[in-house]
């Protein structure tokens, strides 16, 4: 369970605006079958690459945390919740 994030596409708006959309592919190549999904992020005028990267990495970390929680919960099946 090792989620990774890849920029897959950059989309302009149909009408002029102060933002663009960046499509990010989240993929866990280690799982079998491979899990993946895409998420669009709004990149606004004035945003820097550091801010954008932090936003994507935060979501990637949430996925990793969710996988870790699943493993812990599966190990606790049948145990009393206290």
Protein backbone atom coordinates (compact mmCIF):
# COMPACT_ATOMS: atom_id res chain seq x y z
CA UNK A 1 0.00 0.00 0.00
CA UNK A 2 2.09 2.85 -1.30
CA UNK A 3 0.02 5.62 -2.81
CA UNK A 4 1.81 7.88 -5.29
CA UNK A 5 0.57 11.01 -7.07
CA UNK A 6 1.30 12.00 -10.67
CA UNK A 7 0.29 15.09 -12.63
CA UNK A 8 -1.61 13.69 -15.57
CA UNK A 9 -3.16 16.67 -17.33
CA UNK A 10 -3.51 20.46 -17.20
CA UNK A 11 -6.81 21.91 -18.39
CA UNK A 12 -7.70 25.48 -19.26
CA UNK A 13 -11.14 26.80 -18.45
CA UNK A 14 -13.67 27.07 -21.27
CA UNK A 15 -13.99 30.77 -20.44
CA UNK A 16 -11.16 33.01 -19.26
CA UNK A 17 -10.66 32.85 -15.50
CA UNK A 18 -7.96 33.21 -12.89
CA UNK A 19 -7.43 29.48 -12.51
CA UNK A 20 -6.59 26.28 -14.31
CA UNK A 21 -7.39 22.67 -13.43
CA UNK A 22 -4.69 20.09 -12.82
CA UNK A 23 -5.65 16.44 -13.04
CA UNK A 24 -3.68 14.25 -10.62
CA UNK A 25 -3.56 10.46 -10.79
CA UNK A 26 -3.36 8.71 -7.42
CA UNK A 27 -2.10 5.18 -7.80
CA UNK A 28 -1.14 2.32 -5.52
CA UNK A 29 0.95 0.07 -7.78
CA UNK A 30 1.81 -2.31 -4.95
CA UNK A 31 -1.76 -3.50 -4.40
CA UNK A 32 -3.22 -6.30 -6.45
CA UNK A 33 -5.21 -5.29 -8.37
CA UNK A 34 -3.63 -1.86 -8.77
CA UNK A 35 -5.82 0.84 -7.25
CA UNK A 36 -6.04 4.22 -8.93
CA UNK A 37 -8.26 7.25 -9.30
CA UNK A 38 -8.02 10.80 -10.61
CA UNK A 39 -8.73 14.04 -8.82
CA UNK A 40 -8.87 17.57 -10.23
CA UNK A 41 -7.21 20.42 -8.34
CA UNK A 42 -7.91 24.09 -8.88
CA UNK A 43 -4.64 25.99 -9.42
CA UNK A 44 -5.40 29.68 -8.92
CA UNK A 45 -3.52 32.77 -10.00
CA UNK A 46 -0.85 33.63 -7.46
CA UNK A 47 -0.52 30.08 -6.18
CA UNK A 48 3.02 28.75 -6.10
CA UNK A 49 4.27 25.28 -6.85
CA UNK A 50 5.08 24.73 -3.17
CA UNK A 51 1.45 25.39 -2.19
CA UNK A 52 0.13 23.13 -4.94
CA UNK A 53 2.53 20.33 -4.04
CA UNK A 54 1.59 20.59 -0.36
CA UNK A 55 -2.11 20.28 -1.25
CA UNK A 56 -1.55 17.12 -3.31
CA UNK A 57 0.83 15.57 -0.77
CA UNK A 58 -1.68 16.18 2.02
CA UNK A 59 -4.28 14.15 0.12
CA UNK A 60 -1.72 11.44 -0.64
CA UNK A 61 -0.84 11.20 3.05
CA UNK A 62 -4.52 10.89 3.95
CA UNK A 63 -4.74 7.88 1.62
CA UNK A 64 -1.68 6.31 3.23
CA UNK A 65 -3.14 6.94 6.70
CA UNK A 66 -6.42 5.36 5.63
CA UNK A 67 -4.58 2.23 4.48
CA UNK A 68 -2.71 2.08 7.80
CA UNK A 69 -5.99 2.42 9.71
CA UNK A 70 -7.52 -0.39 7.65
CA UNK A 71 -4.66 -2.73 8.57
CA UNK A 72 -5.04 -1.86 12.27
CA UNK A 73 -8.80 -2.30 12.16
CA UNK A 74 -8.57 -5.63 10.37
CA UNK A 75 -6.18 -6.83 13.08
CA UNK A 76 -8.76 -5.82 15.71
CA UNK A 77 -11.68 -7.75 14.21
CA UNK A 78 -13.44 -9.63 17.00
CA UNK A 79 -11.92 -7.51 19.75
CA UNK A 80 -13.97 -5.42 22.13
CA UNK A 81 -13.98 -1.71 21.37
CA UNK A 82 -12.99 0.10 24.57
